[in-house]
Amino acid sequence: MKIRTNIVLIGFMGAGKTEVGKILAKNKGFNFIDLDCLIEAQEGMNITEIFKQKGESYFRNLETEILKKIDKYKSDIYKIIGKYKTINNKEIKNEVKNWVISTGGGMPAFNGNLILIKNIGTTLYLKADAKTIYERIKSETHRPVLGEKGFTERSVSDKLKEREKFYGQADITIYTEGLTAPAVAEEIGIFIN
């Protein structure tokens, strides 16, 4: 499949979007940006704090505004990140116009964001089952949608089922179960040129 300008990774939390995205960007000679990190840099607080202090609706609106800006400047995303260029990749190059973009797990499911995401570039859904995701994130305490602690495999499964109808609309689905991040990036390379 021939990619359109940018590669946008979607999928549930713990699917590996950030780790795979960094490797994929390096392999392809693209820039990388994690939109959650961009929001955190812009707001001066982490996502858990944003949820606590300003609420989920506020956070979801931030996601949509970031996507609208990226859609507007998709040929020059560097204009958007400007002063945030070192938030998660110290080697962002202004002259490189192609990007691998990691989205937040809920981003495609709110405010018509999936349309914006698909406008930005080729979408890849990094897919894993609920049990795999739960095993990857069970000891983390920064997952505000699931609660800071004490979430279960069942709560992951329920939330994943809610979002699957959005994730399933990606241009390409990559199954990540049993694969390392470099292996997933390599598999993506098989599908795109």
N, C-alpha and C. Protein backbone atom coordinates (compact mmCIF):
# COMPACT_ATOMS: atom_id res chain seq x y z
N MET A 1 0.84 -1.18 0.00
CA MET A 1 0.00 0.00 0.00
C MET A 1 0.89 1.24 0.00
N LYS A 2 0.57 2.19 -0.84
CA LYS A 2 1.30 3.46 -0.88
C LYS A 2 0.74 4.35 0.21
N ILE A 3 1.60 4.90 1.06
CA ILE A 3 1.13 5.75 2.15
C ILE A 3 0.87 7.16 1.65
N ARG A 4 -0.04 7.83 2.35
CA ARG A 4 -0.33 9.24 2.08
C ARG A 4 0.45 10.06 3.09
N THR A 5 1.43 10.76 2.70
CA THR A 5 2.21 11.71 3.49
C THR A 5 2.64 11.21 4.87
N ASN A 6 1.69 11.03 5.79
CA ASN A 6 1.99 10.67 7.18
C ASN A 6 1.42 9.30 7.52
N ILE A 7 1.95 8.73 8.59
CA ILE A 7 1.44 7.47 9.13
C ILE A 7 0.88 7.79 10.51
N VAL A 8 -0.37 7.44 10.75
CA VAL A 8 -1.02 7.72 12.02
C VAL A 8 -1.36 6.40 12.70
N LEU A 9 -0.79 6.19 13.89
CA LEU A 9 -1.02 4.95 14.63
C LEU A 9 -2.17 5.14 15.60
N ILE A 10 -3.15 4.25 15.51
CA ILE A 10 -4.27 4.25 16.44
C ILE A 10 -4.34 2.90 17.13
N GLY A 11 -5.07 2.85 18.23
CA GLY A 11 -5.23 1.60 18.96
C GLY A 11 -5.36 1.88 20.45
N PHE A 12 -5.70 0.85 21.17
CA PHE A 12 -5.95 0.97 22.60
C PHE A 12 -4.66 1.30 23.35
N MET A 13 -4.79 1.86 24.53
CA MET A 13 -3.63 2.10 25.38
C MET A 13 -2.88 0.79 25.57
N GLY A 14 -1.58 0.86 25.57
CA GLY A 14 -0.77 -0.34 25.76
C GLY A 14 -0.57 -1.14 24.48
N ALA A 15 -1.08 -0.65 23.36
CA ALA A 15 -0.91 -1.37 22.09
C ALA A 15 0.50 -1.22 21.53
N GLY A 16 1.23 -0.22 22.01
CA GLY A 16 2.61 -0.02 21.57
C GLY A 16 2.79 1.11 20.57
N LYS A 17 1.80 2.00 20.49
CA LYS A 17 1.84 3.06 19.48
C LYS A 17 3.08 3.95 19.59
N THR A 18 3.44 4.34 20.79
CA THR A 18 4.59 5.24 20.96
C THR A 18 5.89 4.51 20.66
N GLU A 19 6.08 3.35 21.24
CA GLU A 19 7.34 2.62 21.04
C GLU A 19 7.51 2.22 19.58
N VAL A 20 6.46 1.66 18.98
CA VAL A 20 6.51 1.27 17.57
C VAL A 20 6.69 2.50 16.70
N GLY A 21 5.99 3.58 17.04
CA GLY A 21 6.07 4.80 16.25
C GLY A 21 7.47 5.35 16.16
N LYS A 22 8.18 5.36 17.27
CA LYS A 22 9.56 5.86 17.27
C LYS A 22 10.45 5.02 16.37
N ILE A 23 10.31 3.71 16.46
CA ILE A 23 11.13 2.81 15.65
C ILE A 23 10.77 2.95 14.17
N LEU A 24 9.49 3.00 13.88
CA LEU A 24 9.02 3.13 12.50
C LEU A 24 9.52 4.44 11.88
N ALA A 25 9.42 5.53 12.64
CA ALA A 25 9.89 6.83 12.14
C ALA A 25 11.39 6.76 11.81
N LYS A 26 12.15 6.16 12.69
CA LYS A 26 13.60 6.04 12.46
C LYS A 26 13.86 5.21 11.21
N ASN A 27 13.15 4.07 11.09
CA ASN A 27 13.33 3.20 9.93
C ASN A 27 12.98 3.88 8.61
N LYS A 28 11.96 4.72 8.63
CA LYS A 28 11.47 5.37 7.40
C LYS A 28 12.13 6.72 7.15
N GLY A 29 12.87 7.25 8.13
CA GLY A 29 13.45 8.58 7.97
C GLY A 29 12.42 9.68 8.16
N PHE A 30 11.35 9.37 8.93
CA PHE A 30 10.28 10.33 9.20
C PHE A 30 10.52 10.97 10.57
N ASN A 31 9.83 12.04 10.85
CA ASN A 31 9.75 12.59 12.20
C ASN A 31 8.70 11.82 12.98
N PHE A 32 8.79 11.88 14.31
CA PHE A 32 7.81 11.21 15.18
C PHE A 32 7.24 12.21 16.17
N ILE A 33 5.93 12.10 16.43
CA ILE A 33 5.31 12.88 17.49
C ILE A 33 4.23 12.04 18.17
N ASP A 34 4.23 12.07 19.48
CA ASP A 34 3.20 11.43 20.30
C ASP A 34 2.25 12.56 20.71
N LEU A 35 1.01 12.48 20.27
CA LEU A 35 0.07 13.57 20.53
C LEU A 35 -0.25 13.73 22.02
N ASP A 36 -0.22 12.66 22.79
CA ASP A 36 -0.41 12.79 24.24
C ASP A 36 0.72 13.64 24.84
N CYS A 37 1.95 13.40 24.39
CA CYS A 37 3.09 14.19 24.90
C CYS A 37 2.96 15.64 24.48
N LEU A 38 2.47 15.88 23.27
CA LEU A 38 2.28 17.25 22.81
C LEU A 38 1.24 17.97 23.67
N ILE A 39 0.14 17.28 23.99
CA ILE A 39 -0.89 17.87 24.85
C ILE A 39 -0.32 18.15 26.24
N GLU A 40 0.44 17.21 26.79
CA GLU A 40 1.04 17.42 28.10
C GLU A 40 1.98 18.62 28.10
N ALA A 41 2.77 18.76 27.05
CA ALA A 41 3.70 19.90 26.97
C ALA A 41 2.92 21.21 26.85
N GLN A 42 1.88 21.19 26.07
CA GLN A 42 1.07 22.39 25.88
C GLN A 42 0.37 22.81 27.17
N GLU A 43 -0.12 21.84 27.93
CA GLU A 43 -0.88 22.12 29.14
C GLU A 43 0.00 22.25 30.40
N GLY A 44 1.23 21.77 30.31
CA GLY A 44 2.12 21.83 31.47
C GLY A 44 1.75 20.86 32.58
N MET A 45 1.05 19.80 32.23
CA MET A 45 0.69 18.76 33.21
C MET A 45 0.44 17.46 32.47
N ASN A 46 0.53 16.35 33.19
CA ASN A 46 0.30 15.06 32.54
C ASN A 46 -1.19 14.81 32.35
N ILE A 47 -1.50 13.80 31.58
CA ILE A 47 -2.90 13.54 31.21
C ILE A 47 -3.75 13.20 32.43
N THR A 48 -3.19 12.44 33.37
CA THR A 48 -3.95 12.13 34.59
C THR A 48 -4.33 13.42 35.32
N GLU A 49 -3.40 14.37 35.40
CA GLU A 49 -3.70 15.65 36.05
C GLU A 49 -4.74 16.44 35.27
N ILE A 50 -4.66 16.41 33.95
CA ILE A 50 -5.65 17.11 33.12
C ILE A 50 -7.04 16.54 33.41
N PHE A 51 -7.15 15.20 33.45
CA PHE A 51 -8.44 14.56 33.75
C PHE A 51 -8.95 14.99 35.12
N LYS A 52 -8.06 14.99 36.12
CA LYS A 52 -8.47 15.32 37.49
C LYS A 52 -8.88 16.79 37.62
N GLN A 53 -8.07 17.68 37.05
CA GLN A 53 -8.29 19.10 37.26
C GLN A 53 -9.30 19.72 36.30
N LYS A 54 -9.35 19.21 35.07
CA LYS A 54 -10.19 19.87 34.07
C LYS A 54 -11.25 18.96 33.46
N GLY A 55 -11.13 17.66 33.69
CA GLY A 55 -12.15 16.73 33.23
C GLY A 55 -11.86 16.12 31.86
N GLU A 56 -12.54 15.00 31.61
CA GLU A 56 -12.33 14.29 30.35
C GLU A 56 -12.80 15.10 29.15
N SER A 57 -13.91 15.82 29.25
CA SER A 57 -14.40 16.60 28.11
C SER A 57 -13.38 17.63 27.66
N TYR A 58 -12.75 18.29 28.62
CA TYR A 58 -11.71 19.27 28.31
C TYR A 58 -10.58 18.60 27.54
N PHE A 59 -10.14 17.43 28.04
CA PHE A 59 -9.06 16.70 27.39
C PHE A 59 -9.44 16.29 25.97
N ARG A 60 -10.66 15.78 25.80
CA ARG A 60 -11.10 15.33 24.47
C ARG A 60 -11.16 16.52 23.50
N ASN A 61 -11.53 17.68 23.99
CA ASN A 61 -11.54 18.87 23.14
C ASN A 61 -10.12 19.28 22.75
N LEU A 62 -9.17 19.12 23.67
CA LEU A 62 -7.76 19.39 23.34
C LEU A 62 -7.30 18.47 22.21
N GLU A 63 -7.66 17.19 22.30
CA GLU A 63 -7.28 16.24 21.25
C GLU A 63 -7.81 16.69 19.89
N THR A 64 -9.06 17.10 19.87
CA THR A 64 -9.68 17.52 18.61
C THR A 64 -9.00 18.77 18.05
N GLU A 65 -8.68 19.71 18.91
CA GLU A 65 -8.01 20.94 18.45
C GLU A 65 -6.63 20.63 17.87
N ILE A 66 -5.90 19.73 18.51
CA ILE A 66 -4.58 19.33 17.98
C ILE A 66 -4.75 18.71 16.60
N LEU A 67 -5.73 17.83 16.45
CA LEU A 67 -5.96 17.17 15.15
C LEU A 67 -6.34 18.19 14.08
N LYS A 68 -7.16 19.16 14.43
CA LYS A 68 -7.54 20.19 13.46
C LYS A 68 -6.33 20.98 12.99
N LYS A 69 -5.44 21.29 13.92
CA LYS A 69 -4.22 22.02 13.55
C LYS A 69 -3.34 21.16 12.64
N ILE A 70 -3.20 19.89 12.98
CA ILE A 70 -2.37 19.00 12.16
C ILE A 70 -3.00 18.85 10.77
N ASP A 71 -4.31 18.72 10.71
CA ASP A 71 -5.00 18.60 9.41
C ASP A 71 -4.74 19.85 8.57
N LYS A 72 -4.77 21.00 9.21
CA LYS A 72 -4.54 22.27 8.50
C LYS A 72 -3.11 22.38 7.99
N TYR A 73 -2.14 21.95 8.80
CA TYR A 73 -0.73 22.11 8.44
C TYR A 73 -0.06 20.79 8.12
N LYS A 74 -0.82 19.81 7.63
CA LYS A 74 -0.26 18.46 7.49
C LYS A 74 1.00 18.40 6.64
N SER A 75 1.19 19.37 5.76
CA SER A 75 2.43 19.35 4.98
C SER A 75 3.59 19.99 5.76
N ASP A 76 3.28 20.61 6.91
CA ASP A 76 4.33 21.23 7.72
C ASP A 76 3.95 21.19 9.20
N ILE A 77 3.88 19.99 9.75
CA ILE A 77 3.47 19.79 11.15
C ILE A 77 4.44 20.50 12.10
N TYR A 78 5.65 20.71 11.64
CA TYR A 78 6.64 21.39 12.48
C TYR A 78 6.12 22.74 12.97
N LYS A 79 5.27 23.40 12.19
CA LYS A 79 4.69 24.69 12.59
C LYS A 79 3.88 24.56 13.89
N ILE A 80 3.28 23.42 14.09
CA ILE A 80 2.43 23.22 15.27
C ILE A 80 3.28 22.95 16.51
N ILE A 81 4.30 22.12 16.35
CA ILE A 81 5.04 21.72 17.54
C ILE A 81 6.03 22.77 17.99
N GLY A 82 6.51 23.59 17.06
CA GLY A 82 7.40 24.70 17.38
C GLY A 82 8.22 24.53 18.63
N LYS A 83 7.84 25.21 19.69
CA LYS A 83 8.61 25.21 20.94
C LYS A 83 8.59 23.87 21.67
N TYR A 84 7.71 22.96 21.23
CA TYR A 84 7.62 21.65 21.88
C TYR A 84 8.47 20.60 21.18
N LYS A 85 9.33 21.01 20.26
CA LYS A 85 10.01 20.04 19.39
C LYS A 85 10.85 19.01 20.12
N THR A 86 11.22 19.25 21.35
CA THR A 86 12.05 18.27 22.05
C THR A 86 11.26 17.44 23.06
N ILE A 87 9.93 17.48 23.00
CA ILE A 87 9.15 16.78 24.02
C ILE A 87 9.38 15.28 24.05
N ASN A 88 9.53 14.67 22.89
CA ASN A 88 9.72 13.22 22.91
C ASN A 88 10.66 12.74 21.81
N ASN A 89 11.29 13.65 21.13
CA ASN A 89 12.23 13.26 20.09
C ASN A 89 13.15 14.44 19.83
N LYS A 90 14.37 14.34 20.28
CA LYS A 90 15.30 15.45 20.16
C LYS A 90 15.82 15.61 18.73
N GLU A 91 15.41 14.72 17.85
CA GLU A 91 15.93 14.78 16.49
C GLU A 91 14.87 15.11 15.46
N ILE A 92 13.86 15.86 15.84
CA ILE A 92 12.85 16.29 14.87
C ILE A 92 13.53 17.26 13.90
N LYS A 93 13.37 16.97 12.63
CA LYS A 93 14.02 17.77 11.60
C LYS A 93 12.98 18.58 10.84
N ASN A 94 13.18 19.88 10.81
CA ASN A 94 12.25 20.78 10.13
C ASN A 94 12.13 20.46 8.65
N GLU A 95 13.21 20.00 8.04
CA GLU A 95 13.18 19.74 6.60
C GLU A 95 12.46 18.45 6.24
N VAL A 96 12.22 17.58 7.22
CA VAL A 96 11.50 16.32 6.97
C VAL A 96 10.01 16.60 7.08
N LYS A 97 9.29 16.31 6.02
CA LYS A 97 7.86 16.64 5.97
C LYS A 97 6.95 15.47 6.33
N ASN A 98 7.48 14.25 6.37
CA ASN A 98 6.66 13.09 6.69
C ASN A 98 6.78 12.76 8.17
N TRP A 99 5.66 12.32 8.74
CA TRP A 99 5.58 12.07 10.18
C TRP A 99 4.95 10.72 10.47
N VAL A 100 5.40 10.12 11.57
CA VAL A 100 4.68 9.03 12.22
C VAL A 100 4.06 9.67 13.45
N ILE A 101 2.75 9.55 13.57
CA ILE A 101 2.01 10.22 14.62
C ILE A 101 1.32 9.17 15.49
N SER A 102 1.62 9.19 16.78
CA SER A 102 0.98 8.30 17.74
C SER A 102 -0.18 9.05 18.40
N THR A 103 -1.35 8.46 18.35
CA THR A 103 -2.53 9.10 18.94
C THR A 103 -2.83 8.50 20.31
N GLY A 104 -3.62 9.20 21.09
CA GLY A 104 -4.11 8.65 22.35
C GLY A 104 -5.12 7.55 22.06
N GLY A 105 -5.26 6.61 22.99
CA GLY A 105 -6.13 5.46 22.78
C GLY A 105 -7.59 5.81 22.49
N GLY A 106 -8.11 6.86 23.10
CA GLY A 106 -9.50 7.23 22.88
C GLY A 106 -9.72 8.23 21.77
N MET A 107 -8.65 8.79 21.26
CA MET A 107 -8.77 9.88 20.29
C MET A 107 -9.69 9.56 19.10
N PRO A 108 -9.60 8.39 18.47
CA PRO A 108 -10.46 8.13 17.31
C PRO A 108 -11.95 8.02 17.65
N ALA A 109 -12.28 7.83 18.92
CA ALA A 109 -13.66 7.54 19.32
C ALA A 109 -14.47 8.77 19.73
N PHE A 110 -13.89 9.97 19.65
CA PHE A 110 -14.58 11.16 20.14
C PHE A 110 -14.61 12.27 19.10
N ASN A 111 -15.64 13.08 19.16
CA ASN A 111 -15.75 14.35 18.43
C ASN A 111 -15.53 14.25 16.92
N GLY A 112 -15.81 13.11 16.34
CA GLY A 112 -15.56 12.95 14.91
C GLY A 112 -14.09 12.96 14.55
N ASN A 113 -13.23 12.67 15.52
CA ASN A 113 -11.78 12.73 15.32
C ASN A 113 -11.28 11.76 14.26
N LEU A 114 -11.98 10.64 14.08
CA LEU A 114 -11.49 9.65 13.12
C LEU A 114 -11.41 10.24 11.71
N ILE A 115 -12.34 11.10 11.37
CA ILE A 115 -12.32 11.74 10.05
C ILE A 115 -11.05 12.60 9.92
N LEU A 116 -10.74 13.37 10.96
CA LEU A 116 -9.53 14.19 10.94
C LEU A 116 -8.29 13.32 10.86
N ILE A 117 -8.27 12.25 11.64
CA ILE A 117 -7.12 11.34 11.66
C ILE A 117 -6.88 10.78 10.26
N LYS A 118 -7.95 10.35 9.60
CA LYS A 118 -7.81 9.77 8.26
C LYS A 118 -7.40 10.82 7.23
N ASN A 119 -7.76 12.08 7.46
CA ASN A 119 -7.31 13.15 6.56
C ASN A 119 -5.81 13.39 6.66
N ILE A 120 -5.26 13.14 7.83
CA ILE A 120 -3.86 13.45 8.11
C ILE A 120 -2.91 12.48 7.42
N GLY A 121 -3.32 11.22 7.29
CA GLY A 121 -2.42 10.25 6.67
C GLY A 121 -2.99 8.85 6.67
N THR A 122 -2.15 7.91 6.37
CA THR A 122 -2.51 6.50 6.37
C THR A 122 -2.64 6.03 7.82
N THR A 123 -3.78 5.42 8.15
CA THR A 123 -4.02 4.99 9.53
C THR A 123 -3.69 3.51 9.69
N LEU A 124 -2.99 3.23 10.78
CA LEU A 124 -2.65 1.85 11.12
C LEU A 124 -3.16 1.56 12.52
N TYR A 125 -3.96 0.53 12.62
CA TYR A 125 -4.49 0.09 13.91
C TYR A 125 -3.56 -0.97 14.47
N LEU A 126 -2.93 -0.68 15.60
CA LEU A 126 -2.12 -1.68 16.30
C LEU A 126 -3.06 -2.43 17.24
N LYS A 127 -3.33 -3.66 16.89
CA LYS A 127 -4.37 -4.44 17.56
C LYS A 127 -3.78 -5.51 18.47
N ALA A 128 -4.36 -5.60 19.66
CA ALA A 128 -4.05 -6.67 20.60
C ALA A 128 -5.33 -7.01 21.35
N ASP A 129 -5.43 -8.22 21.86
CA ASP A 129 -6.64 -8.57 22.60
C ASP A 129 -6.58 -8.00 24.02
N ALA A 130 -7.72 -8.04 24.69
CA ALA A 130 -7.84 -7.43 26.02
C ALA A 130 -6.87 -8.05 27.03
N LYS A 131 -6.69 -9.36 26.96
CA LYS A 131 -5.79 -10.02 27.91
C LYS A 131 -4.35 -9.52 27.74
N THR A 132 -3.90 -9.42 26.49
CA THR A 132 -2.55 -8.93 26.21
C THR A 132 -2.39 -7.49 26.69
N ILE A 133 -3.36 -6.66 26.38
CA ILE A 133 -3.30 -5.26 26.80
C ILE A 133 -3.28 -5.17 28.32
N TYR A 134 -4.15 -5.93 28.97
CA TYR A 134 -4.19 -5.91 30.43
C TYR A 134 -2.83 -6.29 31.02
N GLU A 135 -2.21 -7.33 30.48
CA GLU A 135 -0.90 -7.76 30.98
C GLU A 135 0.14 -6.66 30.80
N ARG A 136 0.03 -5.91 29.71
CA ARG A 136 1.00 -4.84 29.44
C ARG A 136 0.83 -3.64 30.37
N ILE A 137 -0.41 -3.35 30.78
CA ILE A 137 -0.66 -2.10 31.51
C ILE A 137 -1.12 -2.28 32.95
N LYS A 138 -1.27 -3.50 33.42
CA LYS A 138 -1.89 -3.74 34.73
C LYS A 138 -1.18 -3.08 35.90
N SER A 139 0.11 -2.86 35.78
CA SER A 139 0.83 -2.25 36.91
C SER A 139 0.98 -0.73 36.76
N GLU A 140 0.44 -0.17 35.69
CA GLU A 140 0.54 1.27 35.46
C GLU A 140 -0.55 2.00 36.23
N THR A 141 -0.23 3.20 36.65
CA THR A 141 -1.21 4.00 37.41
C THR A 141 -1.57 5.30 36.71
N HIS A 142 -1.19 5.45 35.46
CA HIS A 142 -1.47 6.69 34.74
C HIS A 142 -2.47 6.50 33.60
N ARG A 143 -3.43 5.66 33.78
CA ARG A 143 -4.45 5.39 32.76
C ARG A 143 -5.79 5.92 33.26
N PRO A 144 -6.05 7.21 33.12
CA PRO A 144 -7.22 7.81 33.77
C PRO A 144 -8.57 7.28 33.29
N VAL A 145 -8.67 6.83 32.05
CA VAL A 145 -9.95 6.32 31.56
C VAL A 145 -10.34 5.04 32.28
N LEU A 146 -9.35 4.26 32.66
CA LEU A 146 -9.61 3.01 33.37
C LEU A 146 -9.55 3.17 34.89
N GLY A 147 -9.23 4.33 35.34
CA GLY A 147 -8.99 4.55 36.77
C GLY A 147 -7.51 4.42 37.02
N GLU A 148 -7.05 5.05 38.05
CA GLU A 148 -5.61 5.08 38.30
C GLU A 148 -5.06 3.74 38.76
N LYS A 149 -5.87 2.96 39.42
CA LYS A 149 -5.42 1.64 39.84
C LYS A 149 -6.65 0.77 40.05
N GLY A 150 -6.43 -0.51 40.09
CA GLY A 150 -7.51 -1.43 40.37
C GLY A 150 -8.39 -1.77 39.18
N PHE A 151 -8.00 -1.37 37.97
CA PHE A 151 -8.81 -1.78 36.82
C PHE A 151 -8.56 -3.25 36.55
N THR A 152 -9.51 -3.86 35.86
CA THR A 152 -9.47 -5.31 35.63
C THR A 152 -9.35 -5.61 34.14
N GLU A 153 -9.09 -6.87 33.85
CA GLU A 153 -9.07 -7.30 32.45
C GLU A 153 -10.45 -7.07 31.83
N ARG A 154 -11.49 -7.25 32.63
CA ARG A 154 -12.85 -7.02 32.15
C ARG A 154 -13.07 -5.55 31.76
N SER A 155 -12.58 -4.61 32.56
CA SER A 155 -12.76 -3.19 32.23
C SER A 155 -11.98 -2.84 30.96
N VAL A 156 -10.83 -3.45 30.77
CA VAL A 156 -10.07 -3.25 29.52
C VAL A 156 -10.87 -3.82 28.35
N SER A 157 -11.41 -5.02 28.52
CA SER A 157 -12.19 -5.67 27.47
C SER A 157 -13.42 -4.83 27.09
N ASP A 158 -14.13 -4.33 28.08
CA ASP A 158 -15.34 -3.53 27.81
C ASP A 158 -15.00 -2.26 27.04
N LYS A 159 -13.95 -1.57 27.46
CA LYS A 159 -13.55 -0.32 26.80
C LYS A 159 -13.03 -0.61 25.39
N LEU A 160 -12.30 -1.69 25.23
CA LEU A 160 -11.80 -2.08 23.92
C LEU A 160 -12.95 -2.36 22.97
N LYS A 161 -13.99 -3.06 23.45
CA LYS A 161 -15.16 -3.35 22.61
C LYS A 161 -15.85 -2.07 22.16
N GLU A 162 -15.94 -1.08 23.05
CA GLU A 162 -16.55 0.21 22.70
C GLU A 162 -15.79 0.89 21.56
N ARG A 163 -14.49 0.78 21.58
CA ARG A 163 -13.66 1.53 20.63
C ARG A 163 -13.33 0.77 19.35
N GLU A 164 -13.55 -0.54 19.36
CA GLU A 164 -13.19 -1.37 18.21
C GLU A 164 -13.84 -0.88 16.91
N LYS A 165 -15.07 -0.39 16.97
CA LYS A 165 -15.74 0.07 15.74
C LYS A 165 -15.01 1.25 15.11
N PHE A 166 -14.30 2.02 15.91
CA PHE A 166 -13.51 3.13 15.39
C PHE A 166 -12.16 2.63 14.89
N TYR A 167 -11.49 1.85 15.72
CA TYR A 167 -10.19 1.32 15.34
C TYR A 167 -10.26 0.50 14.05
N GLY A 168 -11.34 -0.25 13.90
CA GLY A 168 -11.51 -1.13 12.75
C GLY A 168 -11.62 -0.41 11.42
N GLN A 169 -11.75 0.90 11.45
CA GLN A 169 -11.85 1.69 10.21
C GLN A 169 -10.48 2.13 9.69
N ALA A 170 -9.42 1.70 10.35
CA ALA A 170 -8.07 2.06 9.90
C ALA A 170 -7.80 1.48 8.52
N ASP A 171 -6.84 2.08 7.82
CA ASP A 171 -6.46 1.59 6.50
C ASP A 171 -5.81 0.21 6.59
N ILE A 172 -5.04 -0.01 7.64
CA ILE A 172 -4.32 -1.27 7.83
C ILE A 172 -4.44 -1.66 9.30
N THR A 173 -4.64 -2.95 9.56
CA THR A 173 -4.63 -3.48 10.93
C THR A 173 -3.39 -4.37 11.08
N ILE A 174 -2.64 -4.11 12.14
CA ILE A 174 -1.45 -4.90 12.44
C ILE A 174 -1.66 -5.57 13.79
N TYR A 175 -1.60 -6.90 13.82
CA TYR A 175 -1.76 -7.64 15.07
C TYR A 175 -0.42 -7.65 15.79
N THR A 176 -0.42 -7.18 17.04
CA THR A 176 0.83 -7.01 17.78
C THR A 176 1.11 -8.11 18.80
N GLU A 177 0.18 -9.02 18.96
CA GLU A 177 0.34 -10.07 19.98
C GLU A 177 1.59 -10.91 19.72
N GLY A 178 2.40 -11.04 20.76
CA GLY A 178 3.59 -11.87 20.68
C GLY A 178 4.73 -11.26 19.88
N LEU A 179 4.58 -10.01 19.47
CA LEU A 179 5.63 -9.35 18.69
C LEU A 179 6.30 -8.25 19.51
N THR A 180 7.58 -8.07 19.30
CA THR A 180 8.28 -6.95 19.91
C THR A 180 7.98 -5.70 19.09
N ALA A 181 8.27 -4.54 19.66
CA ALA A 181 8.05 -3.29 18.93
C ALA A 181 8.85 -3.25 17.62
N PRO A 182 10.13 -3.65 17.60
CA PRO A 182 10.86 -3.67 16.32
C PRO A 182 10.21 -4.61 15.30
N ALA A 183 9.68 -5.74 15.77
CA ALA A 183 9.03 -6.68 14.84
C ALA A 183 7.75 -6.07 14.26
N VAL A 184 7.00 -5.35 15.08
CA VAL A 184 5.78 -4.69 14.59
C VAL A 184 6.15 -3.64 13.56
N ALA A 185 7.17 -2.83 13.86
CA ALA A 185 7.62 -1.81 12.90
C ALA A 185 8.06 -2.45 11.59
N GLU A 186 8.74 -3.58 11.68
CA GLU A 186 9.17 -4.29 10.48
C GLU A 186 7.97 -4.80 9.69
N GLU A 187 6.97 -5.33 10.39
CA GLU A 187 5.76 -5.80 9.71
C GLU A 187 5.04 -4.66 9.01
N ILE A 188 4.98 -3.51 9.65
CA ILE A 188 4.36 -2.33 9.02
C ILE A 188 5.10 -1.99 7.73
N GLY A 189 6.42 -2.09 7.78
CA GLY A 189 7.22 -1.81 6.58
C GLY A 189 6.89 -2.71 5.41
N ILE A 190 6.40 -3.92 5.70
CA ILE A 190 6.00 -4.84 4.64
C ILE A 190 4.76 -4.32 3.92
N PHE A 191 3.86 -3.69 4.69
CA PHE A 191 2.58 -3.25 4.13
C PHE A 191 2.64 -1.90 3.42
N ILE A 192 3.62 -1.09 3.77
CA ILE A 192 3.69 0.25 3.17
C ILE A 192 5.00 0.43 2.45
N ASN A 193 5.00 1.29 1.46
CA ASN A 193 6.24 1.57 0.74
C ASN A 193 6.38 3.06 0.54
